[in-house]
N, C-alpha and C. Protein backbone atom coordinates (compact mmCIF):
# COMPACT_ATOMS: atom_id res chain seq x y z
N MET A 1 59.40 86.71 129.46
CA MET A 1 59.07 86.21 128.50
C MET A 1 58.12 85.21 128.68
N PRO A 2 56.97 85.20 128.47
CA PRO A 2 56.09 83.43 128.33
C PRO A 2 57.10 82.47 128.19
N ALA A 3 56.96 81.05 128.45
CA ALA A 3 57.82 80.18 128.56
C ALA A 3 57.33 79.53 127.05
N ASP A 4 56.48 79.61 126.16
CA ASP A 4 55.94 79.00 125.25
C ASP A 4 56.85 79.83 124.18
N ILE A 5 57.42 81.31 124.34
CA ILE A 5 57.76 81.64 123.17
C ILE A 5 59.57 81.63 123.33
N ILE A 6 59.70 81.58 122.27
CA ILE A 6 61.20 81.18 122.04
C ILE A 6 61.78 82.24 121.16
N HIS A 7 62.56 83.05 121.52
CA HIS A 7 63.49 84.13 120.85
C HIS A 7 64.60 83.34 120.41
N LEU A 8 64.53 83.27 118.76
CA LEU A 8 65.87 82.66 118.20
C LEU A 8 66.99 83.44 118.15
N LEU A 9 66.97 84.73 118.63
CA LEU A 9 68.47 85.41 118.39
C LEU A 9 68.96 85.77 119.69
N ALA A 10 67.84 85.45 120.94
CA ALA A 10 68.56 85.25 122.21
C ALA A 10 69.16 84.12 122.95
N ASP A 11 70.25 84.69 124.25
CA ASP A 11 70.80 83.49 124.89
C ASP A 11 72.25 82.71 123.30
N LEU A 12 72.79 83.40 123.01
CA LEU A 12 73.32 82.87 122.07
C LEU A 12 74.94 82.38 122.84
N PRO A 13 75.13 81.59 122.21
CA PRO A 13 76.24 80.91 122.94
C PRO A 13 77.74 81.44 122.64
N SER A 14 78.40 81.26 123.16
CA SER A 14 79.99 82.28 123.05
C SER A 14 80.87 81.42 122.20
N CYS A 15 81.68 82.07 121.69
CA CYS A 15 82.56 80.95 120.55
C CYS A 15 82.83 79.21 121.37
N GLY A 16 83.22 78.62 120.58
CA GLY A 16 83.01 77.06 121.10
C GLY A 16 83.94 76.14 120.00
N THR A 17 84.39 75.35 120.17
CA THR A 17 84.56 74.54 119.25
C THR A 17 83.28 73.58 117.86
N ASP A 18 82.64 73.63 118.76
CA ASP A 18 81.52 73.29 118.05
C ASP A 18 80.19 73.98 117.83
N GLU A 19 79.39 73.60 116.68
CA GLU A 19 78.13 74.48 116.66
C GLU A 19 77.23 74.20 117.47
N ASP A 20 76.44 74.88 118.10
CA ASP A 20 75.53 74.65 119.08
C ASP A 20 73.95 74.29 118.52
N VAL A 21 73.77 73.42 118.34
CA VAL A 21 72.50 72.70 118.20
C VAL A 21 71.31 72.88 118.62
N SER A 22 70.12 73.51 118.85
CA SER A 22 68.82 73.23 119.80
C SER A 22 68.20 72.68 119.01
N VAL A 23 67.72 71.74 119.24
CA VAL A 23 65.98 71.28 118.55
C VAL A 23 64.69 71.96 119.33
N LEU A 24 64.03 72.57 118.42
CA LEU A 24 63.18 73.06 118.98
C LEU A 24 61.76 72.71 118.94
N LEU A 25 61.73 71.43 118.37
CA LEU A 25 60.17 70.82 118.13
C LEU A 25 60.62 69.96 116.72
N THR A 26 60.03 68.72 117.51
CA THR A 26 60.20 67.18 116.74
C THR A 26 58.60 66.60 116.64
N VAL A 27 58.33 66.43 115.82
CA VAL A 27 56.97 66.04 115.04
C VAL A 27 57.31 64.40 114.05
N PRO A 28 56.52 63.63 113.91
CA PRO A 28 56.90 62.52 112.82
C PRO A 28 57.03 63.39 111.51
N GLY A 29 58.02 62.96 111.16
CA GLY A 29 58.25 64.00 109.55
C GLY A 29 59.03 65.27 109.57
N LEU A 30 59.08 65.62 110.99
CA LEU A 30 59.75 67.13 110.82
C LEU A 30 60.66 67.35 112.21
N ARG A 31 61.68 68.08 111.90
CA ARG A 31 62.67 68.42 113.07
C ARG A 31 63.03 70.10 112.63
N VAL A 32 62.55 71.07 113.66
CA VAL A 32 63.20 72.35 113.47
C VAL A 32 64.46 72.85 114.59
N GLU A 33 65.04 72.89 113.92
CA GLU A 33 66.70 73.73 114.82
C GLU A 33 67.17 74.92 114.68
N ARG A 34 67.25 75.27 115.98
CA ARG A 34 68.29 76.74 115.43
C ARG A 34 70.15 76.16 115.91
N ILE A 35 70.60 76.52 115.04
CA ILE A 35 72.18 76.23 114.94
C ILE A 35 72.96 77.52 114.87
N VAL A 36 73.74 77.75 115.94
CA VAL A 36 75.09 78.84 116.23
C VAL A 36 76.14 78.41 115.80
N SER A 37 76.87 79.24 114.70
CA SER A 37 77.79 79.04 114.27
C SER A 37 78.64 79.95 115.05
N THR A 38 79.71 79.52 115.51
CA THR A 38 80.64 80.55 115.75
C THR A 38 81.98 80.54 115.11
N GLY A 39 82.13 80.64 113.63
CA GLY A 39 82.88 79.93 112.74
C GLY A 39 83.72 78.91 112.47
N GLN A 40 83.01 77.52 112.59
CA GLN A 40 82.76 76.44 112.19
C GLN A 40 82.83 76.17 110.46
N ALA A 41 83.52 75.53 110.26
CA ALA A 41 83.27 74.93 108.40
C ALA A 41 83.26 73.36 108.90
N SER A 42 82.88 72.69 107.75
CA SER A 42 82.79 71.63 107.37
C SER A 42 84.39 71.07 107.35
N PRO A 43 84.61 69.81 108.04
CA PRO A 43 86.04 69.06 107.78
C PRO A 43 86.42 69.28 106.22
N PRO A 44 87.80 69.33 105.93
CA PRO A 44 87.64 69.35 104.63
C PRO A 44 87.61 67.66 104.11
N GLY A 45 87.06 67.98 102.52
CA GLY A 45 86.59 66.79 102.43
C GLY A 45 85.02 66.13 102.60
N PHE A 46 84.89 66.43 103.65
CA PHE A 46 83.30 66.16 104.19
C PHE A 46 82.47 66.96 103.38
N HIS A 47 80.97 66.01 103.25
CA HIS A 47 79.69 66.43 102.64
C HIS A 47 78.84 65.98 103.31
N TYR A 48 77.88 67.04 103.44
CA TYR A 48 76.64 66.57 104.59
C TYR A 48 75.60 65.57 103.43
N ASP A 49 75.24 64.23 103.76
CA ASP A 49 74.51 63.63 102.38
C ASP A 49 73.23 63.03 103.17
N GLN A 50 72.24 63.88 103.32
CA GLN A 50 70.70 63.61 104.14
C GLN A 50 69.61 63.06 103.00
N PRO A 51 68.99 61.85 103.79
CA PRO A 51 68.07 61.19 103.00
C PRO A 51 66.87 62.11 103.29
N HIS A 52 66.72 63.15 103.54
CA HIS A 52 65.40 63.64 103.83
C HIS A 52 66.06 64.97 103.33
N ALA A 53 64.75 65.86 103.16
CA ALA A 53 64.92 68.06 102.78
C ALA A 53 65.27 68.28 103.92
N GLU A 54 66.03 69.43 103.50
CA GLU A 54 66.01 70.24 104.79
C GLU A 54 66.07 72.24 103.74
N TRP A 55 65.37 72.62 104.89
CA TRP A 55 65.32 74.09 104.32
C TRP A 55 66.15 75.11 105.36
N VAL A 56 66.85 75.70 105.17
CA VAL A 56 67.52 76.55 106.03
C VAL A 56 67.80 78.33 106.08
N VAL A 57 67.70 78.60 106.83
CA VAL A 57 67.77 80.28 106.75
C VAL A 57 68.40 81.13 107.60
N VAL A 58 69.24 81.74 106.78
CA VAL A 58 70.25 82.50 107.60
C VAL A 58 69.67 83.62 108.87
N LEU A 59 69.58 83.69 109.81
CA LEU A 59 68.56 84.82 110.55
C LEU A 59 70.00 85.92 111.20
N ALA A 60 71.08 85.58 111.13
CA ALA A 60 71.97 86.73 111.34
C ALA A 60 73.45 86.23 111.09
N GLY A 61 74.01 86.86 110.99
CA GLY A 61 75.19 86.47 110.49
C GLY A 61 75.68 85.80 109.19
N SER A 62 76.46 85.49 108.77
CA SER A 62 76.85 84.87 107.27
C SER A 62 77.61 83.54 107.07
N ALA A 63 77.35 82.84 105.99
CA ALA A 63 77.85 81.88 105.76
C ALA A 63 78.06 81.53 104.42
N ASP A 64 79.19 80.63 104.10
CA ASP A 64 79.27 80.23 102.61
C ASP A 64 78.98 78.58 102.61
N LEU A 65 77.89 78.36 101.91
CA LEU A 65 77.13 76.74 102.19
C LEU A 65 77.95 76.42 100.23
N ARG A 66 78.36 75.46 100.29
CA ARG A 66 78.74 74.69 99.04
C ARG A 66 78.18 73.35 98.70
N PHE A 67 77.53 73.32 97.20
CA PHE A 67 77.02 72.18 96.80
C PHE A 67 77.88 71.07 96.10
N ALA A 68 78.26 69.92 96.18
CA ALA A 68 79.15 69.48 95.69
C ALA A 68 79.10 69.19 94.03
N ASP A 69 78.07 69.88 93.71
CA ASP A 69 77.80 69.90 92.12
C ASP A 69 77.98 71.08 91.42
N GLU A 70 78.38 72.04 92.58
CA GLU A 70 78.66 73.07 92.09
C GLU A 70 79.77 73.89 92.36
N ALA A 71 80.54 74.52 91.36
CA ALA A 71 82.45 74.83 91.37
C ALA A 71 82.67 76.07 92.55
N GLU A 72 81.63 76.81 92.99
CA GLU A 72 81.31 77.71 94.17
C GLU A 72 80.74 77.83 94.87
N SER A 73 81.01 78.23 96.16
CA SER A 73 79.89 78.84 97.38
C SER A 73 79.35 79.67 97.05
N ARG A 74 78.16 79.34 97.69
CA ARG A 74 76.93 80.45 97.73
C ARG A 74 77.04 81.28 98.78
N ARG A 75 77.21 82.42 99.10
CA ARG A 75 77.41 83.54 100.48
C ARG A 75 75.73 83.69 100.72
N LEU A 76 75.21 83.23 102.01
CA LEU A 76 74.47 83.21 102.35
C LEU A 76 74.18 84.60 103.62
N ALA A 77 73.65 85.65 103.45
CA ALA A 77 73.44 86.15 104.82
C ALA A 77 72.28 86.75 105.34
N ALA A 78 72.25 87.29 106.36
CA ALA A 78 70.59 86.95 106.92
C ALA A 78 69.35 87.55 105.77
N GLY A 79 68.42 86.65 105.82
CA GLY A 79 67.39 86.73 105.54
C GLY A 79 67.47 85.74 104.11
N ASP A 80 68.36 85.27 103.69
CA ASP A 80 68.84 84.19 102.98
C ASP A 80 68.23 82.94 103.51
N ALA A 81 67.50 81.91 102.34
CA ALA A 81 67.22 80.68 102.64
C ALA A 81 67.20 79.95 101.70
N VAL A 82 67.52 78.61 101.65
CA VAL A 82 68.13 77.81 100.59
C VAL A 82 67.39 76.27 100.86
N LEU A 83 66.66 75.52 99.95
CA LEU A 83 65.90 74.32 100.11
C LEU A 83 66.79 73.29 99.69
N ILE A 84 67.41 72.32 100.37
CA ILE A 84 68.79 71.24 100.16
C ILE A 84 67.71 70.35 99.66
N ALA A 85 67.84 69.76 98.69
CA ALA A 85 66.68 68.41 98.19
C ALA A 85 67.45 67.26 99.16
N PRO A 86 66.68 66.16 98.91
CA PRO A 86 67.62 64.62 99.77
C PRO A 86 68.69 64.29 98.92
N HIS A 87 69.42 63.99 99.60
CA HIS A 87 70.66 63.44 98.75
C HIS A 87 71.53 64.45 98.16
N ARG A 88 71.11 65.75 98.48
CA ARG A 88 72.22 66.76 97.87
C ARG A 88 73.27 67.11 98.38
N ARG A 89 74.29 66.54 97.75
CA ARG A 89 75.43 66.59 99.08
C ARG A 89 75.79 68.23 99.22
N HIS A 90 76.19 68.69 100.33
CA HIS A 90 76.66 70.04 100.50
C HIS A 90 77.36 70.33 102.01
N ARG A 91 77.72 71.38 102.14
CA ARG A 91 78.77 71.54 103.17
C ARG A 91 78.90 72.89 102.85
N VAL A 92 79.42 73.34 104.43
CA VAL A 92 79.30 74.81 104.82
C VAL A 92 81.45 75.01 105.32
N ASP A 93 81.41 76.00 103.48
CA ASP A 93 82.62 76.37 103.56
C ASP A 93 83.33 77.54 104.75
N TRP A 94 82.25 77.92 105.67
CA TRP A 94 83.17 79.24 106.16
C TRP A 94 81.81 80.08 106.84
N THR A 95 81.80 80.24 108.12
CA THR A 95 80.74 81.32 108.86
C THR A 95 80.98 82.01 109.62
N ASP A 96 80.67 83.25 109.58
CA ASP A 96 80.77 84.31 110.82
C ASP A 96 80.58 83.96 111.72
N SER A 97 80.69 84.89 112.72
CA SER A 97 80.82 84.50 114.54
C SER A 97 79.51 85.69 114.62
N PRO A 98 78.90 85.57 115.27
CA PRO A 98 78.19 84.13 115.01
C PRO A 98 77.05 84.21 114.04
N THR A 99 76.92 83.51 113.47
CA THR A 99 75.54 82.81 112.41
C THR A 99 74.68 81.87 113.09
N VAL A 100 73.44 82.64 113.06
CA VAL A 100 72.60 81.87 113.57
C VAL A 100 71.77 81.35 112.50
N TRP A 101 71.20 80.06 112.10
CA TRP A 101 70.28 79.35 111.22
C TRP A 101 68.95 78.66 111.68
N LEU A 102 68.31 78.60 111.03
CA LEU A 102 66.95 78.15 111.17
C LEU A 102 66.97 76.61 110.52
N ALA A 103 67.04 75.89 110.93
CA ALA A 103 67.04 74.82 110.22
C ALA A 103 65.59 73.93 110.31
N ILE A 104 64.99 73.40 109.06
CA ILE A 104 63.98 72.62 108.96
C ILE A 104 64.11 71.37 108.33
N HIS A 105 64.09 70.50 108.78
CA HIS A 105 64.10 69.05 107.82
C HIS A 105 62.96 68.22 108.23
N PHE A 106 62.24 67.94 107.03
CA PHE A 106 61.45 67.22 106.70
C PHE A 106 61.08 66.22 105.26
N GLY A 107 60.61 65.11 105.78
CA GLY A 107 60.39 64.21 104.90
C GLY A 107 59.82 62.90 105.33
N PRO A 108 58.80 62.18 104.88
CA PRO A 108 58.77 60.69 105.51
C PRO A 108 60.15 59.57 105.47
N GLU A 109 61.18 60.47 105.39
CA GLU A 109 62.53 59.96 105.27
C GLU A 109 63.28 59.86 106.67
N LEU A 110 63.12 61.09 107.27
CA LEU A 110 63.28 61.73 108.47
C LEU A 110 62.98 60.91 109.40
N ARG A 111 63.60 60.56 110.36
CA ARG A 111 63.69 60.19 111.57
C ARG A 111 64.25 60.97 112.77
N VAL A 112 63.10 60.83 113.74
CA VAL A 112 63.01 61.76 114.86
C VAL A 112 63.14 61.24 116.22
């Protein structure tokens, strides 16, 4: 495969204690990541609160994403995507092993 082609579902890491985050592209105002979860979840009581927007899509596996302002988690399966607005507090309640995410962080508030 040519060096400039990235296969997002290849070379998945095996189980580990932390998610595997690979930054694929960074330019001013934009960061693209591949995240591989192998059963990880956010720590109890923890919520992400980012100053920038994030669009995530599950490429493989599944996960439960919970917003602080919603009573129930949202089950995301392969092909599902969601836009997370700036400062919308959220957490990952559960992930399948493996779950592969494509995360696109963007906006003028993003520091790269």
